[in-house]
N, C-alpha and C. Protein backbone atom coordinates (compact mmCIF):
# COMPACT_ATOMS: atom_id res chain seq x y z
N MET A 1 -17.73 31.29 -23.42
CA MET A 1 -17.86 30.77 -22.05
C MET A 1 -17.02 31.61 -21.09
N ILE A 2 -17.55 31.84 -19.92
CA ILE A 2 -16.84 32.59 -18.89
C ILE A 2 -15.97 31.62 -18.10
N GLY A 3 -14.67 31.90 -18.03
CA GLY A 3 -13.76 31.02 -17.31
C GLY A 3 -13.09 31.65 -16.11
N TRP A 4 -13.15 33.00 -16.01
CA TRP A 4 -12.48 33.67 -14.90
C TRP A 4 -13.07 35.06 -14.76
N LEU A 5 -13.26 35.52 -13.53
CA LEU A 5 -13.79 36.85 -13.27
C LEU A 5 -12.99 37.52 -12.16
N GLN A 6 -12.79 38.82 -12.31
CA GLN A 6 -12.11 39.60 -11.28
C GLN A 6 -12.92 40.87 -11.05
N GLY A 7 -13.25 41.13 -9.79
CA GLY A 7 -14.05 42.31 -9.49
C GLY A 7 -14.09 42.57 -8.00
N ASP A 8 -15.16 43.22 -7.56
CA ASP A 8 -15.34 43.57 -6.15
C ASP A 8 -16.57 42.86 -5.61
N ILE A 9 -16.48 42.40 -4.38
CA ILE A 9 -17.58 41.68 -3.74
C ILE A 9 -18.71 42.65 -3.41
N ALA A 10 -19.92 42.23 -3.77
CA ALA A 10 -21.11 42.99 -3.39
C ALA A 10 -22.22 42.00 -3.07
N ASP A 11 -22.89 42.20 -1.96
CA ASP A 11 -24.07 41.42 -1.60
C ASP A 11 -23.83 39.92 -1.54
N PRO A 12 -23.01 39.45 -0.60
CA PRO A 12 -22.94 37.99 -0.37
C PRO A 12 -24.32 37.49 0.07
N TRP A 13 -24.71 36.30 -0.37
CA TRP A 13 -26.02 35.77 -0.03
C TRP A 13 -25.95 34.29 0.30
N GLN A 14 -26.96 33.83 1.00
CA GLN A 14 -27.09 32.42 1.36
C GLN A 14 -28.56 32.05 1.37
N HIS A 15 -28.94 31.08 0.54
CA HIS A 15 -30.31 30.60 0.45
C HIS A 15 -30.30 29.09 0.69
N ASP A 16 -30.86 28.69 1.83
CA ASP A 16 -30.84 27.28 2.21
C ASP A 16 -29.38 26.81 2.26
N LYS A 17 -29.01 25.81 1.43
CA LYS A 17 -27.64 25.31 1.45
C LYS A 17 -26.78 25.93 0.34
N ARG A 18 -27.33 26.87 -0.41
CA ARG A 18 -26.59 27.50 -1.49
C ARG A 18 -26.02 28.83 -1.02
N CYS A 19 -24.78 29.08 -1.41
CA CYS A 19 -24.10 30.31 -1.01
C CYS A 19 -23.53 30.98 -2.26
N GLY A 20 -23.47 32.29 -2.23
CA GLY A 20 -22.90 32.98 -3.38
C GLY A 20 -22.71 34.45 -3.11
N LEU A 21 -22.47 35.19 -4.17
CA LEU A 21 -22.23 36.62 -4.06
C LEU A 21 -22.48 37.27 -5.41
N LEU A 22 -22.64 38.58 -5.36
CA LEU A 22 -22.67 39.39 -6.57
C LEU A 22 -21.27 39.95 -6.75
N LEU A 23 -20.65 39.66 -7.89
CA LEU A 23 -19.29 40.12 -8.17
C LEU A 23 -19.37 41.23 -9.22
N LEU A 24 -18.98 42.43 -8.81
CA LEU A 24 -19.04 43.60 -9.70
C LEU A 24 -17.76 43.69 -10.52
N CYS A 25 -17.92 43.60 -11.84
CA CYS A 25 -16.78 43.62 -12.76
C CYS A 25 -16.99 44.73 -13.80
N ARG A 26 -16.37 45.88 -13.57
CA ARG A 26 -16.44 47.00 -14.51
C ARG A 26 -17.88 47.36 -14.89
N GLY A 27 -18.69 47.54 -13.88
CA GLY A 27 -20.05 47.98 -14.11
C GLY A 27 -21.05 46.88 -14.36
N VAL A 28 -20.60 45.64 -14.40
CA VAL A 28 -21.50 44.50 -14.61
C VAL A 28 -21.47 43.62 -13.36
N GLY A 29 -22.64 43.21 -12.86
CA GLY A 29 -22.70 42.35 -11.68
C GLY A 29 -23.02 40.92 -12.07
N TYR A 30 -22.16 39.99 -11.65
CA TYR A 30 -22.34 38.57 -11.95
C TYR A 30 -22.74 37.83 -10.67
N GLU A 31 -23.85 37.09 -10.74
CA GLU A 31 -24.23 36.23 -9.63
C GLU A 31 -23.41 34.94 -9.72
N VAL A 32 -22.63 34.67 -8.67
CA VAL A 32 -21.73 33.52 -8.67
C VAL A 32 -22.00 32.68 -7.43
N GLN A 33 -22.23 31.39 -7.63
CA GLN A 33 -22.39 30.48 -6.50
C GLN A 33 -21.03 29.93 -6.10
N VAL A 34 -20.78 29.88 -4.79
CA VAL A 34 -19.52 29.33 -4.27
C VAL A 34 -19.85 28.30 -3.19
N SER A 35 -18.85 27.51 -2.81
CA SER A 35 -19.07 26.51 -1.76
C SER A 35 -19.23 27.21 -0.40
N GLN A 36 -19.85 26.51 0.54
CA GLN A 36 -20.02 27.08 1.87
C GLN A 36 -18.68 27.40 2.51
N ARG A 37 -17.70 26.56 2.26
CA ARG A 37 -16.38 26.79 2.84
C ARG A 37 -15.78 28.08 2.31
N ASP A 38 -15.84 28.31 0.99
CA ASP A 38 -15.31 29.55 0.42
C ASP A 38 -16.15 30.75 0.85
N TRP A 39 -17.46 30.55 0.98
CA TRP A 39 -18.34 31.65 1.37
C TRP A 39 -18.00 32.15 2.77
N ARG A 40 -17.71 31.21 3.67
CA ARG A 40 -17.37 31.60 5.05
C ARG A 40 -16.05 32.36 5.10
N ARG A 41 -15.20 32.19 4.09
CA ARG A 41 -13.89 32.83 4.08
C ARG A 41 -13.86 34.12 3.26
N LEU A 42 -15.01 34.54 2.76
CA LEU A 42 -15.04 35.74 1.93
C LEU A 42 -14.60 36.97 2.73
N PRO A 43 -13.81 37.86 2.13
CA PRO A 43 -13.53 39.13 2.77
C PRO A 43 -14.79 40.01 2.75
N PRO A 44 -14.79 41.13 3.43
CA PRO A 44 -16.00 41.96 3.51
C PRO A 44 -16.40 42.55 2.15
N PRO A 45 -17.68 42.94 1.98
CA PRO A 45 -18.12 43.58 0.74
C PRO A 45 -17.24 44.77 0.38
N GLY A 46 -17.00 44.92 -0.91
CA GLY A 46 -16.12 45.98 -1.40
C GLY A 46 -14.70 45.50 -1.64
N SER A 47 -14.36 44.32 -1.10
CA SER A 47 -13.01 43.78 -1.29
C SER A 47 -12.86 43.19 -2.69
N PRO A 48 -11.65 43.26 -3.25
CA PRO A 48 -11.43 42.65 -4.56
C PRO A 48 -11.41 41.13 -4.44
N LEU A 49 -11.83 40.46 -5.52
CA LEU A 49 -11.88 39.00 -5.53
C LEU A 49 -11.76 38.50 -6.97
N ALA A 50 -10.97 37.47 -7.15
CA ALA A 50 -10.85 36.81 -8.45
C ALA A 50 -11.29 35.36 -8.29
N LEU A 51 -12.08 34.86 -9.24
CA LEU A 51 -12.61 33.51 -9.17
C LEU A 51 -12.45 32.80 -10.51
N HIS A 52 -12.08 31.52 -10.44
CA HIS A 52 -12.14 30.67 -11.62
C HIS A 52 -13.59 30.19 -11.74
N ILE A 53 -14.12 30.22 -12.95
CA ILE A 53 -15.55 30.03 -13.16
C ILE A 53 -15.85 28.79 -13.97
N HIS A 54 -16.87 28.06 -13.52
CA HIS A 54 -17.49 27.02 -14.35
C HIS A 54 -18.87 27.53 -14.71
N GLN A 55 -19.18 27.63 -16.00
CA GLN A 55 -20.46 28.13 -16.46
C GLN A 55 -21.35 26.97 -16.89
N SER A 56 -22.48 26.85 -16.23
CA SER A 56 -23.45 25.80 -16.56
C SER A 56 -24.61 26.42 -17.33
N ILE A 57 -24.90 25.89 -18.50
CA ILE A 57 -25.96 26.42 -19.35
C ILE A 57 -27.03 25.36 -19.52
N ARG A 58 -28.24 25.69 -19.07
CA ARG A 58 -29.40 24.83 -19.25
C ARG A 58 -30.51 25.65 -19.90
N GLU A 59 -31.54 24.95 -20.34
CA GLU A 59 -32.64 25.64 -20.99
C GLU A 59 -33.31 26.66 -20.08
N ASP A 60 -33.39 26.35 -18.79
CA ASP A 60 -34.10 27.22 -17.87
C ASP A 60 -33.20 28.10 -17.02
N ALA A 61 -31.89 27.96 -17.14
CA ALA A 61 -31.01 28.76 -16.28
C ALA A 61 -29.56 28.73 -16.77
N TRP A 62 -28.88 29.85 -16.58
CA TRP A 62 -27.43 29.94 -16.74
C TRP A 62 -26.86 30.18 -15.34
N THR A 63 -25.96 29.34 -14.89
CA THR A 63 -25.42 29.44 -13.54
C THR A 63 -23.91 29.49 -13.59
N LEU A 64 -23.34 30.39 -12.76
CA LEU A 64 -21.89 30.50 -12.63
C LEU A 64 -21.47 29.94 -11.28
N TYR A 65 -20.49 29.05 -11.29
CA TYR A 65 -19.92 28.49 -10.06
C TYR A 65 -18.49 29.00 -9.95
N GLY A 66 -18.14 29.57 -8.79
CA GLY A 66 -16.83 30.19 -8.63
C GLY A 66 -15.94 29.44 -7.67
N PHE A 67 -14.64 29.47 -7.96
CA PHE A 67 -13.65 28.75 -7.15
C PHE A 67 -12.40 29.60 -7.03
N THR A 68 -11.82 29.61 -5.85
CA THR A 68 -10.64 30.44 -5.63
C THR A 68 -9.39 29.84 -6.27
N ALA A 69 -9.40 28.54 -6.56
CA ALA A 69 -8.25 27.88 -7.18
C ALA A 69 -8.71 27.11 -8.42
N ARG A 70 -7.91 27.14 -9.47
CA ARG A 70 -8.25 26.43 -10.70
C ARG A 70 -8.39 24.94 -10.47
N GLN A 71 -7.54 24.38 -9.57
CA GLN A 71 -7.60 22.94 -9.30
C GLN A 71 -8.95 22.55 -8.71
N GLU A 72 -9.55 23.44 -7.91
CA GLU A 72 -10.87 23.14 -7.35
C GLU A 72 -11.92 23.15 -8.45
N ARG A 73 -11.81 24.08 -9.39
CA ARG A 73 -12.76 24.09 -10.50
C ARG A 73 -12.62 22.80 -11.32
N ASP A 74 -11.38 22.38 -11.56
CA ASP A 74 -11.17 21.14 -12.32
C ASP A 74 -11.75 19.93 -11.58
N LEU A 75 -11.58 19.91 -10.25
CA LEU A 75 -12.14 18.81 -9.47
C LEU A 75 -13.66 18.85 -9.51
N PHE A 76 -14.25 20.03 -9.46
CA PHE A 76 -15.70 20.19 -9.59
C PHE A 76 -16.18 19.58 -10.90
N ARG A 77 -15.46 19.84 -11.98
CA ARG A 77 -15.84 19.29 -13.28
C ARG A 77 -15.72 17.77 -13.31
N ASP A 78 -14.72 17.23 -12.62
CA ASP A 78 -14.62 15.77 -12.51
C ASP A 78 -15.81 15.20 -11.75
N LEU A 79 -16.21 15.88 -10.68
CA LEU A 79 -17.30 15.39 -9.85
C LEU A 79 -18.62 15.36 -10.61
N VAL A 80 -18.93 16.44 -11.32
CA VAL A 80 -20.23 16.50 -12.00
C VAL A 80 -20.27 15.57 -13.22
N ALA A 81 -19.12 15.07 -13.66
CA ALA A 81 -19.09 14.11 -14.77
C ALA A 81 -19.51 12.71 -14.31
N VAL A 82 -19.57 12.49 -13.00
CA VAL A 82 -19.98 11.19 -12.46
C VAL A 82 -21.50 11.10 -12.48
N SER A 83 -22.02 9.98 -12.94
CA SER A 83 -23.46 9.78 -13.01
C SER A 83 -24.10 9.94 -11.63
N GLY A 84 -25.14 10.77 -11.57
CA GLY A 84 -25.86 10.98 -10.31
C GLY A 84 -25.32 12.10 -9.46
N VAL A 85 -24.24 12.74 -9.88
CA VAL A 85 -23.65 13.85 -9.12
C VAL A 85 -23.90 15.14 -9.89
N GLY A 86 -24.78 15.97 -9.36
CA GLY A 86 -25.07 17.25 -9.97
C GLY A 86 -24.24 18.36 -9.38
N PRO A 87 -24.38 19.57 -9.89
CA PRO A 87 -23.59 20.70 -9.40
C PRO A 87 -23.76 20.97 -7.91
N GLN A 88 -25.00 20.84 -7.40
CA GLN A 88 -25.21 21.14 -5.98
C GLN A 88 -24.54 20.11 -5.08
N MET A 89 -24.57 18.84 -5.49
CA MET A 89 -23.89 17.82 -4.70
C MET A 89 -22.38 18.04 -4.75
N ALA A 90 -21.86 18.39 -5.93
CA ALA A 90 -20.43 18.65 -6.06
C ALA A 90 -20.02 19.84 -5.19
N MET A 91 -20.83 20.89 -5.17
CA MET A 91 -20.53 22.03 -4.31
C MET A 91 -20.60 21.63 -2.84
N GLY A 92 -21.53 20.73 -2.52
CA GLY A 92 -21.62 20.24 -1.14
C GLY A 92 -20.38 19.48 -0.72
N LEU A 93 -19.84 18.66 -1.62
CA LEU A 93 -18.61 17.92 -1.33
C LEU A 93 -17.45 18.88 -1.12
N LEU A 94 -17.33 19.87 -1.99
CA LEU A 94 -16.23 20.83 -1.87
C LEU A 94 -16.41 21.74 -0.66
N GLY A 95 -17.65 21.91 -0.22
CA GLY A 95 -17.90 22.72 0.96
C GLY A 95 -17.67 21.97 2.25
N ALA A 96 -17.88 20.65 2.22
CA ALA A 96 -17.74 19.85 3.43
C ALA A 96 -16.30 19.45 3.71
N LEU A 97 -15.48 19.32 2.65
CA LEU A 97 -14.11 18.84 2.80
C LEU A 97 -13.15 19.77 2.07
N GLU A 98 -11.98 19.96 2.65
CA GLU A 98 -10.91 20.63 1.92
C GLU A 98 -10.58 19.80 0.69
N MET A 99 -10.05 20.45 -0.33
CA MET A 99 -9.79 19.76 -1.59
C MET A 99 -8.91 18.53 -1.38
N GLU A 100 -7.82 18.67 -0.62
CA GLU A 100 -6.93 17.54 -0.38
C GLU A 100 -7.65 16.41 0.34
N GLU A 101 -8.51 16.76 1.31
CA GLU A 101 -9.26 15.74 2.05
C GLU A 101 -10.24 15.02 1.14
N LEU A 102 -10.87 15.76 0.24
CA LEU A 102 -11.83 15.16 -0.67
C LEU A 102 -11.15 14.20 -1.63
N VAL A 103 -10.01 14.60 -2.17
CA VAL A 103 -9.27 13.72 -3.08
C VAL A 103 -8.85 12.45 -2.34
N GLN A 104 -8.32 12.61 -1.13
CA GLN A 104 -7.90 11.44 -0.35
C GLN A 104 -9.09 10.53 -0.06
N ALA A 105 -10.24 11.11 0.26
CA ALA A 105 -11.41 10.30 0.59
C ALA A 105 -11.88 9.49 -0.61
N ILE A 106 -11.75 10.04 -1.81
CA ILE A 106 -12.15 9.31 -3.02
C ILE A 106 -11.12 8.24 -3.35
N VAL A 107 -9.85 8.55 -3.21
CA VAL A 107 -8.79 7.62 -3.60
C VAL A 107 -8.69 6.45 -2.64
N GLN A 108 -8.94 6.67 -1.35
CA GLN A 108 -8.63 5.62 -0.37
C GLN A 108 -9.41 4.31 -0.52
N PRO A 109 -10.69 4.23 -0.73
CA PRO A 109 -11.75 5.23 -0.57
C PRO A 109 -12.28 5.23 0.87
N ASP A 110 -12.64 6.44 1.35
CA ASP A 110 -13.20 6.61 2.69
C ASP A 110 -14.67 7.00 2.52
N LEU A 111 -15.54 5.99 2.45
CA LEU A 111 -16.95 6.23 2.15
C LEU A 111 -17.64 7.02 3.25
N ARG A 112 -17.26 6.77 4.48
CA ARG A 112 -17.90 7.49 5.59
C ARG A 112 -17.62 8.98 5.48
N ARG A 113 -16.41 9.35 5.15
CA ARG A 113 -16.09 10.77 5.02
C ARG A 113 -16.85 11.40 3.86
N LEU A 114 -16.94 10.68 2.74
CA LEU A 114 -17.68 11.21 1.59
C LEU A 114 -19.15 11.42 1.94
N CYS A 115 -19.70 10.52 2.74
CA CYS A 115 -21.11 10.62 3.10
C CYS A 115 -21.41 11.75 4.07
N GLN A 116 -20.38 12.43 4.57
CA GLN A 116 -20.61 13.60 5.42
C GLN A 116 -21.14 14.78 4.62
N ALA A 117 -20.92 14.78 3.30
CA ALA A 117 -21.39 15.88 2.46
C ALA A 117 -22.90 15.77 2.28
N PRO A 118 -23.61 16.89 2.22
CA PRO A 118 -25.07 16.85 2.09
C PRO A 118 -25.51 16.16 0.81
N GLY A 119 -26.45 15.23 0.95
CA GLY A 119 -27.02 14.55 -0.20
C GLY A 119 -26.24 13.35 -0.71
N VAL A 120 -25.07 13.08 -0.13
CA VAL A 120 -24.23 11.97 -0.60
C VAL A 120 -24.52 10.73 0.22
N GLY A 121 -25.06 9.70 -0.44
CA GLY A 121 -25.30 8.42 0.21
C GLY A 121 -24.20 7.42 -0.13
N LYS A 122 -24.33 6.23 0.42
CA LYS A 122 -23.28 5.23 0.25
C LYS A 122 -23.09 4.86 -1.22
N ARG A 123 -24.20 4.69 -1.96
CA ARG A 123 -24.07 4.30 -3.37
C ARG A 123 -23.36 5.38 -4.18
N THR A 124 -23.70 6.63 -3.92
CA THR A 124 -23.03 7.72 -4.63
C THR A 124 -21.56 7.78 -4.26
N ALA A 125 -21.24 7.59 -2.98
CA ALA A 125 -19.85 7.58 -2.54
C ALA A 125 -19.07 6.46 -3.24
N GLU A 126 -19.69 5.29 -3.34
CA GLU A 126 -19.03 4.18 -4.03
C GLU A 126 -18.81 4.50 -5.50
N ARG A 127 -19.80 5.15 -6.14
CA ARG A 127 -19.67 5.51 -7.55
C ARG A 127 -18.54 6.52 -7.75
N LEU A 128 -18.42 7.47 -6.85
CA LEU A 128 -17.32 8.44 -6.93
C LEU A 128 -15.98 7.73 -6.87
N ALA A 129 -15.85 6.80 -5.93
CA ALA A 129 -14.58 6.09 -5.77
C ALA A 129 -14.26 5.24 -7.00
N VAL A 130 -15.26 4.54 -7.52
CA VAL A 130 -15.02 3.66 -8.67
C VAL A 130 -14.64 4.46 -9.91
N GLU A 131 -15.35 5.56 -10.17
CA GLU A 131 -15.16 6.29 -11.41
C GLU A 131 -13.99 7.28 -11.37
N LEU A 132 -13.62 7.76 -10.17
CA LEU A 132 -12.62 8.83 -10.10
C LEU A 132 -11.32 8.43 -9.43
N ARG A 133 -11.28 7.29 -8.79
CA ARG A 133 -10.12 6.95 -7.94
C ARG A 133 -8.81 6.99 -8.72
N VAL A 134 -8.75 6.31 -9.85
CA VAL A 134 -7.50 6.24 -10.61
C VAL A 134 -7.15 7.60 -11.20
N ARG A 135 -8.15 8.29 -11.75
CA ARG A 135 -7.89 9.59 -12.37
C ARG A 135 -7.36 10.61 -11.36
N LEU A 136 -7.96 10.66 -10.19
CA LEU A 136 -7.53 11.63 -9.19
C LEU A 136 -6.18 11.25 -8.60
N GLN A 137 -5.94 9.95 -8.45
CA GLN A 137 -4.63 9.53 -7.94
C GLN A 137 -3.52 9.97 -8.89
N GLU A 138 -3.73 9.78 -10.19
CA GLU A 138 -2.71 10.16 -11.17
C GLU A 138 -2.53 11.66 -11.22
N ARG A 139 -3.63 12.42 -11.10
CA ARG A 139 -3.55 13.87 -11.26
C ARG A 139 -3.01 14.57 -10.02
N TYR A 140 -3.50 14.17 -8.84
CA TYR A 140 -3.18 14.92 -7.63
C TYR A 140 -2.18 14.24 -6.72
N LEU A 141 -2.07 12.90 -6.80
CA LEU A 141 -1.25 12.18 -5.84
C LEU A 141 -0.08 11.47 -6.49
N GLY A 142 0.19 11.74 -7.75
CA GLY A 142 1.30 11.09 -8.42
C GLY A 142 2.64 11.37 -7.77
N ALA A 143 2.79 12.56 -7.24
CA ALA A 143 4.05 12.93 -6.61
C ALA A 143 4.30 12.09 -5.37
N VAL A 144 3.22 11.75 -4.66
CA VAL A 144 3.37 10.91 -3.47
C VAL A 144 3.86 9.53 -3.86
N GLU A 145 3.28 8.99 -4.96
CA GLU A 145 3.70 7.67 -5.42
C GLU A 145 5.14 7.67 -5.88
N THR A 146 5.53 8.72 -6.62
CA THR A 146 6.90 8.80 -7.12
C THR A 146 7.89 8.83 -5.98
N ALA A 147 7.57 9.60 -4.95
CA ALA A 147 8.47 9.71 -3.81
C ALA A 147 8.59 8.37 -3.08
N ALA A 148 7.46 7.68 -2.94
CA ALA A 148 7.48 6.40 -2.25
C ALA A 148 8.30 5.37 -3.02
N GLU A 149 8.17 5.37 -4.35
CA GLU A 149 8.93 4.43 -5.15
C GLU A 149 10.42 4.75 -5.12
N ALA A 150 10.75 6.05 -5.05
CA ALA A 150 12.15 6.45 -5.12
C ALA A 150 12.89 6.21 -3.82
N ASP A 151 12.17 6.13 -2.72
CA ASP A 151 12.80 5.99 -1.41
C ASP A 151 12.47 4.63 -0.81
N PRO A 152 13.36 3.64 -0.91
CA PRO A 152 13.07 2.30 -0.41
C PRO A 152 12.76 2.28 1.07
N GLU A 153 13.23 3.26 1.83
CA GLU A 153 12.98 3.27 3.26
C GLU A 153 11.52 3.55 3.58
N GLN A 154 10.77 4.08 2.58
CA GLN A 154 9.36 4.35 2.81
C GLN A 154 8.51 3.09 2.67
N LEU A 155 9.10 2.00 2.22
CA LEU A 155 8.38 0.75 2.06
C LEU A 155 9.05 -0.34 2.89
N PRO A 156 8.32 -1.40 3.23
CA PRO A 156 8.92 -2.50 4.00
C PRO A 156 10.11 -3.09 3.27
N GLY A 157 11.02 -3.72 4.03
CA GLY A 157 12.25 -4.25 3.45
C GLY A 157 12.07 -5.57 2.77
N LEU A 158 11.13 -5.66 1.86
CA LEU A 158 10.90 -6.88 1.11
C LEU A 158 11.86 -6.97 -0.06
N ALA A 159 12.20 -8.18 -0.47
CA ALA A 159 12.97 -8.35 -1.69
C ALA A 159 12.13 -7.89 -2.87
N ASP A 160 12.82 -7.40 -3.90
CA ASP A 160 12.10 -6.84 -5.05
C ASP A 160 11.11 -7.84 -5.63
N GLY A 161 11.53 -9.11 -5.75
CA GLY A 161 10.64 -10.11 -6.33
C GLY A 161 9.39 -10.33 -5.52
N SER A 162 9.54 -10.40 -4.19
CA SER A 162 8.38 -10.60 -3.33
C SER A 162 7.44 -9.41 -3.39
N ARG A 163 8.03 -8.21 -3.36
CA ARG A 163 7.19 -7.01 -3.42
C ARG A 163 6.42 -6.96 -4.75
N ASP A 164 7.08 -7.32 -5.84
CA ASP A 164 6.42 -7.31 -7.14
C ASP A 164 5.26 -8.31 -7.17
N ASP A 165 5.48 -9.49 -6.57
CA ASP A 165 4.42 -10.51 -6.54
C ASP A 165 3.21 -10.01 -5.74
N ILE A 166 3.50 -9.41 -4.59
CA ILE A 166 2.42 -8.91 -3.73
C ILE A 166 1.66 -7.80 -4.43
N CYS A 167 2.40 -6.83 -4.97
CA CYS A 167 1.75 -5.69 -5.64
C CYS A 167 0.97 -6.16 -6.87
N GLY A 168 1.53 -7.10 -7.62
CA GLY A 168 0.86 -7.59 -8.81
C GLY A 168 -0.46 -8.27 -8.48
N THR A 169 -0.46 -9.05 -7.40
CA THR A 169 -1.69 -9.73 -6.99
C THR A 169 -2.75 -8.72 -6.56
N LEU A 170 -2.36 -7.71 -5.79
CA LEU A 170 -3.32 -6.72 -5.29
C LEU A 170 -3.84 -5.84 -6.42
N VAL A 171 -2.97 -5.50 -7.36
CA VAL A 171 -3.42 -4.73 -8.53
C VAL A 171 -4.46 -5.52 -9.31
N SER A 172 -4.22 -6.83 -9.48
CA SER A 172 -5.16 -7.66 -10.23
C SER A 172 -6.52 -7.74 -9.53
N LEU A 173 -6.55 -7.47 -8.23
CA LEU A 173 -7.80 -7.48 -7.47
C LEU A 173 -8.49 -6.12 -7.48
N GLY A 174 -7.88 -5.14 -8.17
CA GLY A 174 -8.54 -3.86 -8.35
C GLY A 174 -8.08 -2.74 -7.44
N PHE A 175 -7.01 -2.97 -6.67
CA PHE A 175 -6.53 -1.93 -5.77
C PHE A 175 -5.53 -1.02 -6.49
N ALA A 176 -5.56 0.27 -6.12
CA ALA A 176 -4.66 1.25 -6.72
C ALA A 176 -3.30 1.21 -6.04
N ASP A 177 -2.28 1.72 -6.74
CA ASP A 177 -0.91 1.68 -6.22
C ASP A 177 -0.80 2.37 -4.86
N LEU A 178 -1.45 3.52 -4.73
CA LEU A 178 -1.35 4.26 -3.47
C LEU A 178 -1.91 3.44 -2.31
N GLU A 179 -3.04 2.78 -2.53
CA GLU A 179 -3.62 1.93 -1.48
C GLU A 179 -2.68 0.80 -1.11
N ILE A 180 -2.05 0.20 -2.13
CA ILE A 180 -1.17 -0.95 -1.88
C ILE A 180 0.05 -0.53 -1.07
N HIS A 181 0.66 0.60 -1.41
CA HIS A 181 1.82 1.06 -0.65
C HIS A 181 1.45 1.37 0.80
N ARG A 182 0.28 1.94 1.00
CA ARG A 182 -0.17 2.21 2.36
C ARG A 182 -0.39 0.91 3.12
N ALA A 183 -0.98 -0.07 2.44
CA ALA A 183 -1.23 -1.36 3.09
C ALA A 183 0.09 -2.03 3.49
N LEU A 184 1.07 -1.99 2.59
CA LEU A 184 2.37 -2.59 2.90
C LEU A 184 3.00 -1.92 4.11
N ARG A 185 2.96 -0.60 4.17
CA ARG A 185 3.54 0.10 5.31
C ARG A 185 2.78 -0.21 6.59
N ALA A 186 1.43 -0.27 6.48
CA ALA A 186 0.62 -0.55 7.67
C ALA A 186 0.89 -1.95 8.20
N VAL A 187 0.94 -2.92 7.30
CA VAL A 187 1.18 -4.31 7.71
C VAL A 187 2.57 -4.45 8.33
N ALA A 188 3.57 -3.77 7.74
CA ALA A 188 4.91 -3.82 8.31
C ALA A 188 4.94 -3.21 9.70
N SER A 189 4.20 -2.12 9.89
CA SER A 189 4.18 -1.46 11.21
C SER A 189 3.50 -2.32 12.25
N GLN A 190 2.66 -3.26 11.81
CA GLN A 190 1.97 -4.15 12.75
C GLN A 190 2.80 -5.37 13.12
N GLY A 191 4.02 -5.46 12.54
CA GLY A 191 4.95 -6.49 12.99
C GLY A 191 5.26 -7.60 12.02
N LEU A 192 4.63 -7.64 10.85
CA LEU A 192 4.94 -8.67 9.88
C LEU A 192 6.34 -8.40 9.30
N THR A 193 7.17 -9.39 9.29
CA THR A 193 8.56 -9.20 8.88
C THR A 193 8.77 -9.58 7.42
N ALA A 194 9.93 -9.17 6.89
CA ALA A 194 10.27 -9.47 5.50
C ALA A 194 10.44 -10.96 5.28
N GLU A 195 10.66 -11.72 6.37
CA GLU A 195 10.85 -13.16 6.23
C GLU A 195 9.53 -13.91 6.08
N ALA A 196 8.41 -13.23 6.32
CA ALA A 196 7.11 -13.89 6.19
C ALA A 196 6.84 -14.22 4.72
N SER A 197 5.98 -15.18 4.50
CA SER A 197 5.70 -15.63 3.13
C SER A 197 4.90 -14.58 2.37
N THR A 198 4.98 -14.67 1.04
CA THR A 198 4.20 -13.77 0.19
C THR A 198 2.71 -13.90 0.50
N GLU A 199 2.26 -15.15 0.74
CA GLU A 199 0.84 -15.37 1.05
C GLU A 199 0.43 -14.66 2.33
N ASP A 200 1.33 -14.64 3.33
CA ASP A 200 1.01 -13.95 4.58
C ASP A 200 0.88 -12.44 4.34
N TRP A 201 1.78 -11.89 3.53
CA TRP A 201 1.72 -10.46 3.23
C TRP A 201 0.44 -10.10 2.49
N ILE A 202 0.08 -10.93 1.50
CA ILE A 202 -1.14 -10.66 0.74
C ILE A 202 -2.36 -10.75 1.64
N ARG A 203 -2.39 -11.77 2.50
CA ARG A 203 -3.53 -11.95 3.40
C ARG A 203 -3.69 -10.75 4.32
N ASP A 204 -2.58 -10.30 4.94
CA ASP A 204 -2.67 -9.18 5.89
C ASP A 204 -2.96 -7.87 5.17
N CYS A 205 -2.43 -7.71 3.96
CA CYS A 205 -2.74 -6.50 3.19
C CYS A 205 -4.22 -6.45 2.83
N LEU A 206 -4.78 -7.58 2.43
CA LEU A 206 -6.20 -7.63 2.10
C LEU A 206 -7.05 -7.33 3.33
N ARG A 207 -6.61 -7.84 4.47
CA ARG A 207 -7.35 -7.57 5.71
C ARG A 207 -7.34 -6.07 6.02
N TRP A 208 -6.18 -5.42 5.80
CA TRP A 208 -6.09 -3.98 6.07
C TRP A 208 -6.90 -3.20 5.05
N LEU A 209 -6.83 -3.59 3.79
CA LEU A 209 -7.56 -2.87 2.73
C LEU A 209 -9.07 -3.04 2.86
N SER A 210 -9.51 -4.10 3.49
CA SER A 210 -10.94 -4.39 3.62
C SER A 210 -11.51 -3.90 4.94
N ARG A 211 -10.68 -3.20 5.72
CA ARG A 211 -11.16 -2.74 7.03
C ARG A 211 -12.29 -1.73 6.85
N PRO A 212 -13.22 -1.61 7.80
CA PRO A 212 -14.30 -0.62 7.71
C PRO A 212 -13.71 0.78 7.70
N ALA A 213 -14.37 1.70 7.00
CA ALA A 213 -13.92 3.09 6.98
C ALA A 213 -14.01 3.66 8.39
N ALA A 214 -12.93 4.41 8.76
CA ALA A 214 -12.92 4.98 10.11
C ALA A 214 -13.86 6.18 10.21
């Protein structure tokens, strides 16, 4: 399997919504498809380029998908593992949103932002969020969670017991830790004080978590 290629750019191409280039590697030319975002950022023909590769093998075609960062290739593989998401839809998602924006949109979940990608409807966006939210949060956003837990000033001034009760209830309802911490900060910024009851905090957090996607 081909996992990485380094060569010189030759003949960038664009057919409908698909973008790619011919990458010349020691006398061999590889046709590699890239996202529209990466395609727009390509240096001129003749420039050196290294790409992390995902190789797709089917009965009727062998296709190479190229990514400038290994993390993007890994995210592409996560996307195509979701039922109903093929390589072209995954490339559309990576082309429409920066990697960090795409991860955030799945984790939050921000369905409207996900639906900006070509071919992505509401049901597919919901499936992405359900199947990938926890995995992507742990892989890409764990550092954010660790920092928030380590710094009490980043969270409302609730007593430990009250905060545990609130977080435990929201976790049992299916919300991820990152969403819960954001809800707590948002509710605190809206004026709810530490003296309010646990029920009031849960109610306002649920209201914030259930708000329509912006």
